[in-house]
Structure formats: C-alpha cells, structure tokens
Amino acid sequence: MSTRKPSTGGATVWLTGLPSSGKTTLAQALASRLTREGQRVEVLDGDEIRTFLSAGLGFTREDRDTNVQRIGLVAEVLARNGILVLVPVIAPYADSREAVRKRHEASGTPYLEIHVATPLQVCAVRDVKGLYAQQRAGRLSGLTGVDDPYEPPRAPDARVETQLESVPESVEVLHVLLAERGLL
C-alpha cells in the first residue's frame, strides 16, 4: 500500500528577494518536505534557468524582464498540469512579477508571491555567491538592491524574514500557507 497521497493540483510559489536572502535554501527545503509528503514538486532555480533557458541574456532591465517572463511561462505550464512549482528567483521589478501573476490568473492557475524579506545588510554578510564582495571591490556593477533596483512586493501572499527564524520555521510558514490555500 502506497503512503503517497495525490497532489490536489498545481500552483506556482514565487520566492522573491535580494541575492543571498535565502530564496533557494527555502525552496529546496520546502521541496524536500513536500516530496516526502507525496506532492509533485519542481524547483525552477534562477541560476539554472539563466544557464540553460535564458543563456545569453544579460542584466539589463529588458533582459531581466525576458528572463522572468520565460520562467513565469514554464512555471505556469507546469503548475497548470498539476505540479507544485517553487520559483526562487529575484525578479526585481514589480511589473514583471505582476505580468507573471496575470498569466497564471488567465489560466486559472494558483500563484503565490512570497517576499523573502531579508535586509540588505544581512544578505551582504551571507554573500553566498560572493556578489556583494565583488561589487564592493568594483568588479561587479548592477547588483540588485545595491546599484540596481529591487522593488519589494507591496502585498505579498507571505513575508518571510530569514534573519529572524530558522529554515524549518520559515518552511513551516510556507507549508501552512499552502495548506490554508488548499494547495496541499
């Protein structure tokens, strides 16, 4: 007898926040938990997408928007077909994220926007990829939240402050949200 329960349907959970805010860590931890619970889950990691689906794009506003729209399309198609899609992608511009939300609404596909609201100072200390150090040394420009804009969500479905809670605590917040929305 299988202990896996069928997924109730797909949805996209977009985790937006500054570099090193904890988006990917949370997405991977939540994906592990949901997989153990029998959910069909996919993580569309921003770095992987840039390597493959968006290879050749730079970091101009237009290229960033194109990247977000590509990821949004893939997420919507997967979610529309019953996959719970976790998207840890900065998506710095509110209008780009809103366009992705509207794509989901047009197909009747659930979409949740999570703001991983870790302060810039905390992200700069974490500096998972060394981007902040490169920017301070003058070897990198256009770093989101430092010398390129980041427009935080005004009304996210949830706000997670990773500097105030552990990864399991943050994952629990997201898990409860998914359950409350009938997505588990």
C-alpha atoms as a PDB file:
ATOM      1  CA  MET A   1       0.000   0.000   0.000  1.00  0.00           C
ATOM      2  CA  SER A   2       1.409   3.379  -1.018  1.00  0.00           C
ATOM      3  CA  THR A   3       1.722   6.154   1.551  1.00  0.00           C
ATOM      4  CA  ARG A   4       1.861   8.814  -1.148  1.00  0.00           C
ATOM      5  CA  LYS A   5      -1.186  10.989  -1.375  1.00  0.00           C
ATOM      6  CA  PRO A   6      -2.140  12.521  -4.697  1.00  0.00           C
ATOM      7  CA  SER A   7      -1.473  16.202  -5.236  1.00  0.00           C
ATOM      8  CA  THR A   8      -4.587  18.355  -5.148  1.00  0.00           C
ATOM      9  CA  GLY A   9      -3.310  20.356  -8.094  1.00  0.00           C
ATOM     10  CA  GLY A  10      -0.583  22.626  -9.211  1.00  0.00           C
ATOM     11  CA  ALA A  11       0.432  26.109  -8.203  1.00  0.00           C
ATOM     12  CA  THR A  12       3.368  28.448  -8.555  1.00  0.00           C
ATOM     13  CA  VAL A  13       5.074  29.749  -5.418  1.00  0.00           C
ATOM     14  CA  TRP A  14       7.402  32.588  -6.419  1.00  0.00           C
ATOM     15  CA  LEU A  15      10.033  33.467  -3.804  1.00  0.00           C
ATOM     16  CA  THR A  16      11.378  36.940  -4.497  1.00  0.00           C
ATOM     17  CA  GLY A  17      14.081  38.743  -2.551  1.00  0.00           C
ATOM     18  CA  LEU A  18      17.605  40.099  -2.699  1.00  0.00           C
ATOM     19  CA  PRO A  19      20.629  37.957  -3.597  1.00  0.00           C
ATOM     20  CA  SER A  20      21.591  35.771  -0.593  1.00  0.00           C
ATOM     21  CA  SER A  21      18.219  36.344   1.091  1.00  0.00           C
ATOM     22  CA  GLY A  22      17.581  32.600   1.366  1.00  0.00           C
ATOM     23  CA  LYS A  23      15.192  32.019  -1.551  1.00  0.00           C
ATOM     24  CA  THR A  24      16.866  28.891  -2.908  1.00  0.00           C
ATOM     25  CA  THR A  25      17.544  27.431   0.539  1.00  0.00           C
ATOM     26  CA  LEU A  26      13.861  27.788   1.446  1.00  0.00           C
ATOM     27  CA  ALA A  27      12.660  26.426  -1.909  1.00  0.00           C
ATOM     28  CA  GLN A  28      14.876  23.360  -1.636  1.00  0.00           C
ATOM     29  CA  ALA A  29      13.881  22.680   1.986  1.00  0.00           C
ATOM     30  CA  LEU A  30      10.183  23.121   1.200  1.00  0.00           C
ATOM     31  CA  ALA A  31      10.509  20.904  -1.889  1.00  0.00           C
ATOM     32  CA  SER A  32      12.109  18.160   0.223  1.00  0.00           C
ATOM     33  CA  ARG A  33       9.294  18.294   2.754  1.00  0.00           C
ATOM     34  CA  LEU A  34       6.562  18.335   0.114  1.00  0.00           C
ATOM     35  CA  THR A  35       8.171  15.456  -1.792  1.00  0.00           C
ATOM     36  CA  ARG A  36       8.281  13.384   1.408  1.00  0.00           C
ATOM     37  CA  GLU A  37       4.563  14.130   1.792  1.00  0.00           C
ATOM     38  CA  GLY A  38       3.858  12.797  -1.697  1.00  0.00           C
ATOM     39  CA  GLN A  39       3.476  16.076  -3.553  1.00  0.00           C
ATOM     40  CA  ARG A  40       4.655  16.532  -7.129  1.00  0.00           C
ATOM     41  CA  VAL A  41       7.153  19.399  -6.838  1.00  0.00           C
ATOM     42  CA  GLU A  42       9.596  21.145  -9.150  1.00  0.00           C
ATOM     43  CA  VAL A  43      12.095  23.890  -8.255  1.00  0.00           C
ATOM     44  CA  LEU A  44      12.914  26.353 -11.051  1.00  0.00           C
ATOM     45  CA  ASP A  45      16.161  27.798  -9.718  1.00  0.00           C
ATOM     46  CA  GLY A  46      17.130  31.160 -11.190  1.00  0.00           C
ATOM     47  CA  ASP A  47      20.789  30.252 -11.652  1.00  0.00           C
ATOM     48  CA  GLU A  48      19.955  27.048 -13.517  1.00  0.00           C
ATOM     49  CA  ILE A  49      17.422  28.852 -15.711  1.00  0.00           C
ATOM     50  CA  ARG A  50      19.998  31.517 -16.599  1.00  0.00           C
ATOM     51  CA  THR A  51      22.450  28.787 -17.603  1.00  0.00           C
ATOM     52  CA  PHE A  52      20.037  26.976 -19.903  1.00  0.00           C
ATOM     53  CA  LEU A  53      16.701  28.595 -20.764  1.00  0.00           C
ATOM     54  CA  SER A  54      17.965  32.167 -20.593  1.00  0.00           C
ATOM     55  CA  ALA A  55      21.568  31.675 -21.713  1.00  0.00           C
ATOM     56  CA  GLY A  56      22.774  34.769 -23.492  1.00  0.00           C
ATOM     57  CA  LEU A  57      20.627  37.212 -21.575  1.00  0.00           C
ATOM     58  CA  GLY A  58      22.369  39.944 -19.660  1.00  0.00           C
ATOM     59  CA  PHE A  59      21.196  42.001 -16.721  1.00  0.00           C
ATOM     60  CA  THR A  60      19.573  44.989 -18.428  1.00  0.00           C
ATOM     61  CA  ARG A  61      16.014  45.704 -17.380  1.00  0.00           C
ATOM     62  CA  GLU A  62      14.765  44.219 -20.671  1.00  0.00           C
ATOM     63  CA  ASP A  63      16.841  41.050 -20.266  1.00  0.00           C
ATOM     64  CA  ARG A  64      15.755  40.634 -16.658  1.00  0.00           C
ATOM     65  CA  ASP A  65      12.124  41.022 -17.726  1.00  0.00           C
ATOM     66  CA  THR A  66      12.583  38.463 -20.518  1.00  0.00           C
ATOM     67  CA  ASN A  67      14.151  36.039 -18.041  1.00  0.00           C
ATOM     68  CA  VAL A  68      11.274  36.457 -15.573  1.00  0.00           C
ATOM     69  CA  GLN A  69       8.650  36.016 -18.303  1.00  0.00           C
ATOM     70  CA  ARG A  70      10.331  32.829 -19.554  1.00  0.00           C
ATOM     71  CA  ILE A  71      10.437  31.408 -16.054  1.00  0.00           C
ATOM     72  CA  GLY A  72       6.850  32.508 -15.498  1.00  0.00           C
ATOM     73  CA  LEU A  73       5.702  30.692 -18.629  1.00  0.00           C
ATOM     74  CA  VAL A  74       7.443  27.444 -17.658  1.00  0.00           C
ATOM     75  CA  ALA A  75       6.103  27.697 -14.091  1.00  0.00           C
ATOM     76  CA  GLU A  76       2.550  28.328 -15.293  1.00  0.00           C
ATOM     77  CA  VAL A  77       2.614  25.397 -17.722  1.00  0.00           C
ATOM     78  CA  LEU A  78       3.948  23.033 -15.055  1.00  0.00           C
ATOM     79  CA  ALA A  79       1.512  24.321 -12.409  1.00  0.00           C
ATOM     80  CA  ARG A  80      -1.434  24.141 -14.819  1.00  0.00           C
ATOM     81  CA  ASN A  81      -0.540  20.486 -15.267  1.00  0.00           C
ATOM     82  CA  GLY A  82      -0.600  19.589 -11.582  1.00  0.00           C
ATOM     83  CA  ILE A  83       2.926  20.358 -10.398  1.00  0.00           C
ATOM     84  CA  LEU A  84       3.655  22.494  -7.362  1.00  0.00           C
ATOM     85  CA  VAL A  85       6.349  24.816  -8.734  1.00  0.00           C
ATOM     86  CA  LEU A  86       8.737  26.658  -6.406  1.00  0.00           C
ATOM     87  CA  VAL A  87      10.500  29.576  -8.071  1.00  0.00           C
ATOM     88  CA  PRO A  88      13.390  31.110  -6.088  1.00  0.00           C
ATOM     89  CA  VAL A  89      14.127  33.986  -8.477  1.00  0.00           C
ATOM     90  CA  ILE A  90      14.906  37.612  -7.602  1.00  0.00           C
ATOM     91  CA  ALA A  91      12.553  39.122 -10.226  1.00  0.00           C
ATOM     92  CA  PRO A  92      13.468  42.656  -9.151  1.00  0.00           C
ATOM     93  CA  TYR A  93      10.687  44.548 -10.935  1.00  0.00           C
ATOM     94  CA  ALA A  94       7.108  44.603  -9.641  1.00  0.00           C
ATOM     95  CA  ASP A  95       5.620  44.908 -13.144  1.00  0.00           C
ATOM     96  CA  SER A  96       7.439  41.753 -14.299  1.00  0.00           C
ATOM     97  CA  ARG A  97       6.120  39.794 -11.329  1.00  0.00           C
ATOM     98  CA  GLU A  98       2.630  41.189 -11.918  1.00  0.00           C
ATOM     99  CA  ALA A  99       2.736  40.028 -15.547  1.00  0.00           C
ATOM    100  CA  VAL A 100       3.564  36.508 -14.333  1.00  0.00           C
ATOM    101  CA  ARG A 101       0.672  36.673 -11.838  1.00  0.00           C
ATOM    102  CA  LYS A 102      -1.707  37.762 -14.632  1.00  0.00           C
ATOM    103  CA  ARG A 103      -0.546  34.859 -16.841  1.00  0.00           C
ATOM    104  CA  HIS A 104      -1.469  32.493 -14.020  1.00  0.00           C
ATOM    105  CA  GLU A 105      -4.818  34.214 -13.422  1.00  0.00           C
ATOM    106  CA  ALA A 106      -5.669  33.966 -17.136  1.00  0.00           C
ATOM    107  CA  SER A 107      -5.317  30.180 -16.988  1.00  0.00           C
ATOM    108  CA  GLY A 108      -6.941  29.830 -13.561  1.00  0.00           C
ATOM    109  CA  THR A 109      -3.662  28.608 -12.079  1.00  0.00           C
ATOM    110  CA  PRO A 110      -2.898  29.436  -8.423  1.00  0.00           C
ATOM    111  CA  TYR A 111       0.028  31.794  -7.895  1.00  0.00           C
ATOM    112  CA  LEU A 112       1.561  32.876  -4.592  1.00  0.00           C
ATOM    113  CA  GLU A 113       4.187  35.563  -4.195  1.00  0.00           C
ATOM    114  CA  ILE A 114       6.464  35.176  -1.191  1.00  0.00           C
ATOM    115  CA  HIS A 115       8.750  38.029  -0.185  1.00  0.00           C
ATOM    116  CA  VAL A 116      11.928  36.672   1.374  1.00  0.00           C
ATOM    117  CA  ALA A 117      12.439  39.981   3.168  1.00  0.00           C
ATOM    118  CA  THR A 118      15.972  39.598   4.428  1.00  0.00           C
ATOM    119  CA  PRO A 119      17.624  43.026   4.926  1.00  0.00           C
ATOM    120  CA  LEU A 120      20.412  44.037   2.543  1.00  0.00           C
ATOM    121  CA  GLN A 121      22.951  44.154   5.397  1.00  0.00           C
ATOM    122  CA  VAL A 122      22.235  40.508   6.293  1.00  0.00           C
ATOM    123  CA  CYS A 123      22.390  39.421   2.644  1.00  0.00           C
ATOM    124  CA  ALA A 124      25.738  41.197   2.208  1.00  0.00           C
ATOM    125  CA  VAL A 125      27.182  39.306   5.196  1.00  0.00           C
ATOM    126  CA  ARG A 126      25.856  35.953   3.941  1.00  0.00           C
ATOM    127  CA  ASP A 127      27.129  36.730   0.416  1.00  0.00           C
ATOM    128  CA  VAL A 128      26.586  33.134  -0.724  1.00  0.00           C
ATOM    129  CA  LYS A 129      27.989  33.723  -4.235  1.00  0.00           C
ATOM    130  CA  GLY A 130      30.483  36.471  -3.401  1.00  0.00           C
ATOM    131  CA  LEU A 131      28.483  39.062  -5.357  1.00  0.00           C
ATOM    132  CA  TYR A 132      28.487  41.717  -2.660  1.00  0.00           C
ATOM    133  CA  ALA A 133      32.261  41.382  -2.221  1.00  0.00           C
ATOM    134  CA  GLN A 134      32.748  41.689  -5.982  1.00  0.00           C
ATOM    135  CA  GLN A 135      30.527  44.778  -6.057  1.00  0.00           C
ATOM    136  CA  ARG A 136      32.419  46.406  -3.158  1.00  0.00           C
ATOM    137  CA  ALA A 137      35.715  45.684  -4.943  1.00  0.00           C
ATOM    138  CA  GLY A 138      34.451  47.359  -8.115  1.00  0.00           C
ATOM    139  CA  ARG A 139      34.438  44.120 -10.152  1.00  0.00           C
ATOM    140  CA  LEU A 140      30.644  43.928 -10.455  1.00  0.00           C
ATOM    141  CA  SER A 141      28.005  46.514 -11.211  1.00  0.00           C
ATOM    142  CA  GLY A 142      24.259  46.174 -11.481  1.00  0.00           C
ATOM    143  CA  LEU A 143      23.859  44.172  -8.274  1.00  0.00           C
ATOM    144  CA  THR A 144      20.191  44.005  -7.392  1.00  0.00           C
ATOM    145  CA  GLY A 145      19.408  46.034  -4.309  1.00  0.00           C
ATOM    146  CA  VAL A 146      22.797  47.782  -4.274  1.00  0.00           C
ATOM    147  CA  ASP A 147      23.341  49.646  -7.533  1.00  0.00           C
ATOM    148  CA  ASP A 148      20.377  48.233  -9.445  1.00  0.00           C
ATOM    149  CA  PRO A 149      16.758  48.467  -8.288  1.00  0.00           C
ATOM    150  CA  TYR A 150      14.801  45.934  -6.310  1.00  0.00           C
ATOM    151  CA  GLU A 151      11.099  46.664  -5.944  1.00  0.00           C
ATOM    152  CA  PRO A 152       9.814  44.679  -2.954  1.00  0.00           C
ATOM    153  CA  PRO A 153       6.267  43.339  -3.203  1.00  0.00           C
ATOM    154  CA  ARG A 154       3.699  45.682  -1.698  1.00  0.00           C
ATOM    155  CA  ALA A 155       1.196  42.954  -0.861  1.00  0.00           C
ATOM    156  CA  PRO A 156       2.855  39.524  -0.981  1.00  0.00           C
ATOM    157  CA  ASP A 157       0.919  36.427  -0.005  1.00  0.00           C
ATOM    158  CA  ALA A 158       3.510  35.967   2.747  1.00  0.00           C
ATOM    159  CA  ARG A 159       6.618  37.677   4.020  1.00  0.00           C
ATOM    160  CA  VAL A 160       9.448  35.545   5.425  1.00  0.00           C
ATOM    161  CA  GLU A 161      12.245  37.142   7.423  1.00  0.00           C
ATOM    162  CA  THR A 162      15.044  34.590   7.342  1.00  0.00           C
ATOM    163  CA  GLN A 163      17.236  36.605   9.680  1.00  0.00           C
ATOM    164  CA  LEU A 164      14.635  36.134  12.445  1.00  0.00           C
ATOM    165  CA  GLU A 165      13.739  32.469  12.037  1.00  0.00           C
ATOM    166  CA  SER A 166      15.357  29.163  11.179  1.00  0.00           C
ATOM    167  CA  VAL A 167      14.945  27.447   7.822  1.00  0.00           C
ATOM    168  CA  PRO A 168      12.497  24.891   9.314  1.00  0.00           C
ATOM    169  CA  GLU A 169      10.453  27.742  10.852  1.00  0.00           C
ATOM    170  CA  SER A 170      10.300  29.587   7.523  1.00  0.00           C
ATOM    171  CA  VAL A 171       9.382  26.373   5.698  1.00  0.00           C
ATOM    172  CA  GLU A 172       6.582  25.819   8.212  1.00  0.00           C
ATOM    173  CA  VAL A 173       5.184  29.296   7.468  1.00  0.00           C
ATOM    174  CA  LEU A 174       5.102  28.451   3.759  1.00  0.00           C
ATOM    175  CA  HIS A 175       3.672  24.975   4.351  1.00  0.00           C
ATOM    176  CA  VAL A 176       0.845  26.415   6.468  1.00  0.00           C
ATOM    177  CA  LEU A 177       0.106  28.989   3.742  1.00  0.00           C
ATOM    178  CA  LEU A 178      -0.101  26.274   1.083  1.00  0.00           C
ATOM    179  CA  ALA A 179      -2.417  24.211   3.304  1.00  0.00           C
ATOM    180  CA  GLU A 180      -4.623  27.226   4.075  1.00  0.00           C
ATOM    181  CA  ARG A 181      -4.955  27.938   0.358  1.00  0.00           C
ATOM    182  CA  GLY A 182      -5.983  24.334  -0.318  1.00  0.00           C
ATOM    183  CA  LEU A 183      -2.853  23.578  -2.335  1.00  0.00           C
ATOM    184  CA  LEU A 184      -1.783  20.507  -0.330  1.00  0.00           C
END
